[in-house]
Amino acid sequence: MTFSTLTPAADCGPTSEDAAVTTTQRVTISQIADLAGVSVPTVSKVLNGREGVSGETRDRVRELLEEHGYRRRGGERRKPVGLVDLVIRDLDSMWANELVRGAEAEAARAGVGLVVTATHGRRVGNKHWISHLAARRTDGVVLVVSELQPGAAEELRRLGAPYVLVDPVGASDRNVPTVAATNWAGGLSATEHLLALGHRRIGIITGPADLACARDRLDGYRSALQRAGIPLDEELVRYGDFLQGGGEAGAAHLLALPEPPTAIFAGSDQQAAGVYDVARARGLRVPEDLSVVGFDDTEVCEWVWPRLTTVRQPLFEMAATATRMLLQRRPDEDAGRVELSTSLIERSSTAPPSS
């Protein structure tokens, strides 16, 4: 397994006028070579992602291939290279660790290598990354909570590199395979659990507003309150970052309200750990004074005390499923969306509200 970091690169490339291919027949490698002023072997290297071509020449040849609609004879797929890419925002959490483990296990089962790239929140698909991908080639890319730069999807398709989204950012293309958990159902079950214990003032610290999974968990929370006939209080809704700091900031706001919540649905296990810290700093006991529910079911649940009630989402299975879809999918198959079930895991961090 190989690790790398996505680094930004400036956009550049030639802009000179191109000659036109006037034939109605399929454009050939030889014609592209003539237009680019290079040899046929050079065009072949670009097509197959091999080294030995300058960045400027590579960009020039690619532009001509795309402009003139070059297609390999018969539309055949490239031979597999035995490498799969996993692109993920960060690697410094147990959430990410479970996803990497799942992708690596499926890649190993299939007999291929795994290259892991951390984006650190940046969009995926700058020219540096695309060129690197083209040079070493890949059998496909699993994108976890990552957003593609404009044009990057077309670049991946042109390279013959299919991709699968895991917990996509924003609205995903219906033509792209997607793997997610039942986040709405998870948010619903977490909130209904607290309601069943007798809580009526329940706060939520969800994730970033641009993430579909965070919005779905929030929608599940709202639906549970609505079913119980409890009006939504927007003061009890906070957006975090799924990290401990987000939980601390959200809890500080919620517990400072004139009428603070008796329970908090933290939206992730790491945010729940942040809620624990703020509660204890205020002299509150979990669960006697404040019930807390997380989301993910990572090792954090066993490390905090009392042990954390949470919603389990199958992170390992999600990454493994996405990797398997990537390796098995053919270009002419319909894309699909797979949702894996969440489930509530009751431990010791929730109890009826104190009198």
Protein backbone atom coordinates (compact mmCIF):
# COMPACT_ATOMS: atom_id res chain seq x y z
CA MET A 1 0.00 0.00 0.00
CA THR A 2 1.38 3.39 -1.04
CA PHE A 3 0.58 6.73 0.60
CA SER A 4 0.81 10.14 -1.06
CA THR A 5 -0.40 13.70 -0.56
CA LEU A 6 -2.33 15.74 -3.10
CA THR A 7 -0.43 18.95 -3.79
CA PRO A 8 -1.72 21.96 -5.71
CA ALA A 9 -0.30 22.79 -9.10
CA ALA A 10 -0.73 25.83 -11.33
CA ASP A 11 -2.78 25.39 -14.49
CA CYS A 12 -0.72 25.76 -17.62
CA GLY A 13 -0.59 24.53 -21.21
CA PRO A 14 -0.14 25.60 -24.80
CA THR A 15 -2.86 27.60 -26.52
CA SER A 16 -1.65 27.74 -30.15
CA GLU A 17 -4.02 27.11 -33.06
CA ASP A 18 -4.62 23.51 -34.11
CA ALA A 19 -4.88 22.21 -37.65
CA ALA A 20 -8.11 20.44 -38.52
CA VAL A 21 -8.65 16.79 -39.38
CA THR A 22 -11.04 16.94 -42.30
CA THR A 23 -11.57 13.26 -42.95
CA THR A 24 -14.89 11.66 -42.00
CA GLN A 25 -13.09 8.44 -41.08
CA ARG A 26 -11.80 7.53 -37.64
CA VAL A 27 -8.89 9.77 -36.68
CA THR A 28 -5.63 7.84 -36.43
CA ILE A 29 -2.60 8.05 -34.15
CA SER A 30 -0.55 9.07 -37.18
CA GLN A 31 -2.83 12.06 -37.87
CA ILE A 32 -2.64 13.16 -34.22
CA ALA A 33 1.16 12.84 -34.35
CA ASP A 34 1.31 15.04 -37.48
CA LEU A 35 -0.89 17.70 -35.89
CA ALA A 36 1.17 17.72 -32.70
CA GLY A 37 4.48 17.65 -34.54
CA VAL A 38 5.66 14.56 -32.69
CA SER A 39 6.29 10.92 -33.53
CA VAL A 40 3.71 8.13 -33.44
CA PRO A 41 5.53 6.42 -30.51
CA THR A 42 5.20 9.67 -28.53
CA VAL A 43 1.42 9.70 -29.03
CA SER A 44 1.34 6.03 -28.04
CA LYS A 45 3.19 6.84 -24.80
CA VAL A 46 0.63 9.51 -23.96
CA LEU A 47 -2.25 7.15 -24.68
CA ASN A 48 -0.81 4.46 -22.43
CA GLY A 49 0.34 6.75 -19.63
CA ARG A 50 4.02 5.93 -20.04
CA GLU A 51 6.88 8.20 -19.05
CA GLY A 52 9.39 9.84 -21.39
CA VAL A 53 7.15 12.68 -22.59
CA SER A 54 7.41 16.28 -21.39
CA GLY A 55 4.44 17.79 -19.61
CA GLU A 56 3.90 20.38 -22.35
CA THR A 57 3.95 17.77 -25.11
CA ARG A 58 1.69 15.45 -23.12
CA ASP A 59 -0.88 18.23 -22.65
CA ARG A 60 -0.70 19.15 -26.33
CA VAL A 61 -1.29 15.56 -27.47
CA ARG A 62 -4.14 15.06 -25.01
CA GLU A 63 -5.88 18.22 -26.21
CA LEU A 64 -5.69 17.00 -29.80
CA LEU A 65 -6.90 13.51 -28.90
CA GLU A 66 -9.92 14.98 -27.16
CA GLU A 67 -10.58 17.68 -29.75
CA HIS A 68 -10.67 15.20 -32.61
CA GLY A 69 -12.53 12.52 -30.71
CA TYR A 70 -9.85 9.84 -30.92
CA ARG A 71 -11.12 6.45 -29.77
CA ARG A 72 -9.12 3.24 -29.48
CA ARG A 73 -10.07 0.71 -32.12
CA GLY A 74 -13.13 -1.25 -30.99
CA GLY A 75 -13.34 0.83 -27.80
CA GLU A 76 -11.42 -1.83 -25.92
CA ARG A 77 -10.39 -1.34 -22.31
CA ARG A 78 -6.78 -0.99 -21.34
CA LYS A 79 -5.19 -3.94 -19.70
CA PRO A 80 -5.36 -3.81 -15.88
CA VAL A 81 -2.23 -2.51 -14.19
CA GLY A 82 -2.93 -3.95 -10.75
CA LEU A 83 -3.31 -0.64 -8.91
CA VAL A 84 -6.34 1.06 -7.33
CA ASP A 85 -6.36 4.60 -5.92
CA LEU A 86 -8.13 5.60 -2.71
CA VAL A 87 -8.53 9.36 -2.29
CA ILE A 88 -9.61 10.54 1.15
CA ARG A 89 -9.67 13.90 2.93
CA ASP A 90 -7.40 13.04 5.86
CA LEU A 91 -5.71 10.04 7.43
CA ASP A 92 -5.48 11.17 11.06
CA SER A 93 -8.68 9.63 12.40
CA MET A 94 -10.05 6.20 13.25
CA TRP A 95 -12.87 6.90 10.79
CA ALA A 96 -10.31 7.16 7.98
CA ASN A 97 -8.40 4.16 9.29
CA GLU A 98 -11.45 1.92 8.95
CA LEU A 99 -12.01 3.08 5.38
CA VAL A 100 -8.38 2.49 4.40
CA ARG A 101 -8.50 -0.95 6.02
CA GLY A 102 -11.62 -1.87 4.06
CA ALA A 103 -10.21 -0.74 0.72
CA GLU A 104 -6.87 -2.44 1.36
CA ALA A 105 -8.52 -5.72 2.36
CA GLU A 106 -10.59 -5.84 -0.84
CA ALA A 107 -7.63 -4.80 -3.00
CA ALA A 108 -5.50 -7.55 -1.42
CA ARG A 109 -8.27 -10.08 -1.98
CA ALA A 110 -8.35 -9.10 -5.65
CA GLY A 111 -4.55 -9.22 -5.90
CA VAL A 112 -4.03 -5.51 -6.65
CA GLY A 113 -2.11 -2.75 -4.90
CA LEU A 114 -3.63 0.29 -3.19
CA VAL A 115 -2.36 3.87 -3.47
CA VAL A 116 -3.77 6.20 -0.77
CA THR A 117 -3.86 9.96 -1.32
CA ALA A 118 -4.87 12.52 1.34
CA THR A 119 -6.42 15.71 -0.04
CA HIS A 120 -6.56 17.66 3.27
CA GLY A 121 -9.85 19.18 2.14
CA ARG A 122 -8.68 20.30 -1.32
CA ARG A 123 -10.59 19.40 -4.43
CA VAL A 124 -9.26 16.44 -6.37
CA GLY A 125 -8.03 16.62 -9.94
CA ASN A 126 -5.38 19.30 -10.50
CA LYS A 127 -3.05 18.84 -13.45
CA HIS A 128 -0.22 17.55 -11.27
CA TRP A 129 -2.36 14.71 -9.91
CA ILE A 130 -3.91 13.86 -13.28
CA SER A 131 -0.48 13.78 -14.97
CA HIS A 132 0.93 11.59 -12.21
CA LEU A 133 -2.06 9.27 -12.53
CA ALA A 134 -1.62 9.08 -16.30
CA ALA A 135 2.09 8.34 -15.99
CA ARG A 136 1.77 5.40 -13.61
CA ARG A 137 -1.81 4.42 -14.60
CA THR A 138 -4.56 3.05 -12.38
CA ASP A 139 -7.43 0.61 -12.65
CA GLY A 140 -9.73 3.13 -10.99
CA VAL A 141 -10.24 5.60 -8.15
CA VAL A 142 -12.33 5.42 -4.97
CA LEU A 143 -13.16 8.96 -3.83
CA VAL A 144 -14.13 9.25 -0.15
CA VAL A 145 -15.86 12.49 0.90
CA SER A 146 -13.91 14.23 -1.85
CA GLU A 147 -14.92 16.76 -4.47
CA LEU A 148 -13.58 16.76 -8.02
CA GLN A 149 -12.28 19.90 -9.66
CA PRO A 150 -14.17 21.07 -12.76
CA GLY A 151 -13.16 18.91 -15.70
CA ALA A 152 -11.51 16.23 -13.57
CA ALA A 153 -14.29 13.71 -14.19
CA GLU A 154 -13.78 14.06 -17.94
CA GLU A 155 -10.03 13.64 -17.49
CA LEU A 156 -10.53 10.42 -15.54
CA ARG A 157 -12.89 9.06 -18.19
CA ARG A 158 -10.44 9.94 -20.93
CA LEU A 159 -7.70 8.10 -19.07
CA GLY A 160 -9.96 5.06 -18.85
CA ALA A 161 -9.97 5.38 -15.03
CA PRO A 162 -13.46 4.67 -13.63
CA TYR A 163 -14.28 6.05 -10.20
CA VAL A 164 -16.66 5.31 -7.34
CA LEU A 165 -17.86 7.83 -4.76
CA VAL A 166 -18.10 7.06 -1.04
CA ASP A 167 -20.20 9.58 0.95
CA PRO A 168 -20.16 12.12 -1.90
CA VAL A 169 -19.93 15.85 -1.37
CA GLY A 170 -23.10 17.58 -2.54
CA ALA A 171 -25.34 16.09 -5.22
CA SER A 172 -23.58 13.25 -7.03
CA ASP A 173 -23.82 12.40 -10.72
CA ARG A 174 -26.36 9.61 -11.19
CA ASN A 175 -24.03 8.07 -13.77
CA VAL A 176 -21.31 7.54 -11.15
CA PRO A 177 -21.45 4.52 -8.79
CA THR A 178 -21.92 5.61 -5.18
CA VAL A 179 -21.59 3.87 -1.82
CA ALA A 180 -23.05 5.36 1.36
CA ALA A 181 -24.60 4.39 4.67
CA THR A 182 -28.26 4.88 5.57
CA ASN A 183 -27.46 8.20 7.22
CA TRP A 184 -31.06 9.42 7.42
CA ALA A 185 -32.12 6.21 9.17
CA GLY A 186 -29.13 6.54 11.50
CA GLY A 187 -30.08 10.09 12.49
CA LEU A 188 -33.66 8.95 13.01
CA SER A 189 -32.72 5.99 15.24
CA ALA A 190 -30.32 8.06 17.38
CA THR A 191 -32.96 10.70 18.03
CA GLU A 192 -35.77 8.19 18.58
CA HIS A 193 -33.59 6.41 21.14
CA LEU A 194 -33.24 9.63 23.14
CA LEU A 195 -36.93 10.40 22.78
CA ALA A 196 -37.82 6.93 24.07
CA LEU A 197 -35.73 7.63 27.19
CA GLY A 198 -37.87 10.71 27.85
CA HIS A 199 -35.68 13.50 26.46
CA ARG A 200 -37.56 16.34 24.82
CA ARG A 201 -34.83 18.95 24.44
CA ILE A 202 -32.25 17.26 22.23
CA GLY A 203 -29.36 19.08 20.60
CA ILE A 204 -27.52 17.97 17.47
CA ILE A 205 -24.00 18.68 16.25
CA THR A 206 -23.94 17.46 12.67
CA GLY A 207 -21.09 17.68 10.15
CA PRO A 208 -20.25 20.24 7.43
CA ALA A 209 -23.33 21.54 5.64
CA ASP A 210 -21.89 20.66 2.21
CA LEU A 211 -21.71 16.94 3.00
CA ALA A 212 -24.70 14.85 1.98
CA CYS A 213 -24.16 12.46 4.89
CA ALA A 214 -24.30 15.33 7.42
CA ARG A 215 -27.49 16.72 5.91
CA ASP A 216 -29.09 13.28 5.88
CA ARG A 217 -28.33 12.73 9.59
CA LEU A 218 -29.82 16.13 10.36
CA ASP A 219 -32.92 15.30 8.32
CA GLY A 220 -33.31 12.05 10.29
CA TYR A 221 -33.11 14.04 13.53
CA ARG A 222 -35.76 16.48 12.32
CA SER A 223 -38.04 13.67 11.20
CA ALA A 224 -37.85 11.97 14.59
CA LEU A 225 -38.80 15.20 16.37
CA GLN A 226 -41.65 15.80 13.95
CA ARG A 227 -43.02 12.29 14.47
CA ALA A 228 -42.93 12.88 18.22
CA GLY A 229 -44.78 16.19 17.84
CA ILE A 230 -41.84 18.25 19.12
CA PRO A 231 -41.24 21.58 17.32
CA LEU A 232 -37.74 22.05 15.91
CA ASP A 233 -35.66 24.61 17.83
CA GLU A 234 -32.93 25.90 15.48
CA GLU A 235 -30.90 26.99 18.53
CA LEU A 236 -30.33 23.28 19.18
CA VAL A 237 -28.84 22.67 15.72
CA ARG A 238 -25.09 23.15 15.27
CA TYR A 239 -22.77 22.34 12.35
CA GLY A 240 -19.38 20.84 13.13
CA ASP A 241 -16.52 19.21 11.26
CA PHE A 242 -16.89 15.61 12.50
CA LEU A 243 -13.70 16.13 14.57
CA GLN A 244 -13.29 16.55 18.32
CA GLY A 245 -12.92 20.30 18.01
CA GLY A 246 -16.24 20.52 16.24
CA GLY A 247 -17.88 18.65 19.09
CA GLU A 248 -16.29 20.96 21.66
CA ALA A 249 -17.44 24.12 19.84
CA GLY A 250 -20.97 22.80 19.34
CA ALA A 251 -21.31 21.61 22.94
CA ALA A 252 -19.99 24.92 24.30
CA HIS A 253 -22.79 26.72 22.45
CA LEU A 254 -25.53 24.24 23.33
CA LEU A 255 -24.68 23.95 27.03
CA ALA A 256 -24.47 27.73 27.40
CA LEU A 257 -28.09 28.22 26.26
CA PRO A 258 -30.55 29.57 28.86
CA GLU A 259 -32.36 26.24 28.54
CA PRO A 260 -29.64 23.74 27.54
CA PRO A 261 -30.45 20.33 26.07
CA THR A 262 -30.64 17.24 28.26
CA ALA A 263 -29.18 15.14 25.43
CA ILE A 264 -26.89 15.71 22.43
CA PHE A 265 -26.67 13.68 19.23
CA ALA A 266 -23.08 14.40 18.26
CA GLY A 267 -23.10 13.23 14.62
CA SER A 268 -19.72 11.44 14.92
CA ASP A 269 -17.84 9.61 17.66
CA GLN A 270 -15.02 12.15 17.62
CA GLN A 271 -17.48 15.02 18.11
CA ALA A 272 -19.05 13.04 20.95
CA ALA A 273 -15.64 12.92 22.65
CA GLY A 274 -15.54 16.71 22.39
CA VAL A 275 -18.99 16.91 24.00
CA TYR A 276 -17.73 14.76 26.89
CA ASP A 277 -14.84 17.18 27.52
CA VAL A 278 -17.03 20.28 27.57
CA ALA A 279 -19.66 18.62 29.77
CA ARG A 280 -17.09 17.60 32.35
CA ALA A 281 -15.53 21.07 32.34
CA ARG A 282 -18.98 22.38 33.29
CA GLY A 283 -19.40 19.83 36.06
CA LEU A 284 -21.95 17.75 34.17
CA ARG A 285 -22.03 13.96 34.41
CA VAL A 286 -22.66 11.66 31.45
CA PRO A 287 -25.32 10.24 31.37
CA GLU A 288 -26.79 11.43 34.70
CA ASP A 289 -26.91 15.10 33.63
CA LEU A 290 -26.41 14.79 29.88
CA SER A 291 -26.99 11.90 27.50
CA VAL A 292 -24.71 11.66 24.46
CA VAL A 293 -25.01 9.65 21.22
CA GLY A 294 -22.30 9.42 18.56
CA PHE A 295 -22.14 8.12 15.01
CA ASP A 296 -19.66 5.71 13.33
CA ASP A 297 -18.89 3.10 16.05
CA THR A 298 -15.13 3.56 15.98
CA GLU A 299 -12.72 2.66 18.80
CA VAL A 300 -13.48 6.02 20.42
CA CYS A 301 -16.66 4.43 21.80
CA GLU A 302 -14.63 2.06 23.98
CA TRP A 303 -11.99 4.61 24.98
CA VAL A 304 -14.29 7.25 26.47
CA TRP A 305 -16.06 6.75 29.79
CA PRO A 306 -18.85 5.96 30.06
CA ARG A 307 -18.74 3.89 26.89
CA LEU A 308 -20.48 5.69 24.07
CA THR A 309 -23.88 4.84 22.65
CA THR A 310 -23.57 5.35 18.90
CA VAL A 311 -24.93 4.61 15.45
CA ARG A 312 -22.75 2.11 13.66
CA GLN A 313 -22.04 2.80 10.03
CA PRO A 314 -20.10 0.00 8.31
CA LEU A 315 -17.04 2.01 7.25
CA PHE A 316 -14.86 -1.02 6.52
CA GLU A 317 -17.60 -2.59 4.39
CA MET A 318 -18.33 0.69 2.59
CA ALA A 319 -14.74 1.05 1.35
CA ALA A 320 -14.50 -2.66 0.51
CA THR A 321 -17.76 -2.49 -1.45
CA ALA A 322 -16.63 0.60 -3.38
CA THR A 323 -13.31 -1.06 -4.28
CA ARG A 324 -15.09 -4.22 -5.39
CA MET A 325 -17.54 -2.22 -7.53
CA LEU A 326 -14.61 -0.42 -9.12
CA LEU A 327 -12.78 -3.61 -10.03
CA GLN A 328 -15.86 -5.45 -11.30
CA ARG A 329 -17.66 -2.68 -13.18
CA ARG A 330 -17.56 -2.60 -16.96
CA PRO A 331 -17.77 0.72 -18.86
CA ASP A 332 -21.14 -0.16 -20.43
CA GLU A 333 -22.83 -1.11 -17.15
CA ASP A 334 -25.32 1.19 -15.48
CA ALA A 335 -24.07 3.05 -12.43
CA GLY A 336 -25.76 2.29 -9.15
CA ARG A 337 -26.09 3.56 -5.59
CA VAL A 338 -25.45 1.16 -2.74
CA GLU A 339 -26.58 2.05 0.79
CA LEU A 340 -25.34 -0.11 3.66
CA SER A 341 -27.45 -0.28 6.82
CA THR A 342 -26.70 1.60 10.01
CA SER A 343 -27.69 0.30 13.46
CA LEU A 344 -27.94 1.78 16.93
CA ILE A 345 -25.41 0.37 19.44
CA GLU A 346 -26.55 1.07 23.01
CA ARG A 347 -23.86 1.43 25.66
CA SER A 348 -23.64 3.56 28.80
CA SER A 349 -23.77 7.19 27.69
CA THR A 350 -27.56 7.53 27.55
CA ALA A 351 -30.19 7.46 30.30
CA PRO A 352 -33.52 9.13 31.12
CA PRO A 353 -33.21 12.85 31.89
CA SER A 354 -32.66 13.75 35.51
CA SER A 355 -35.54 15.29 37.41
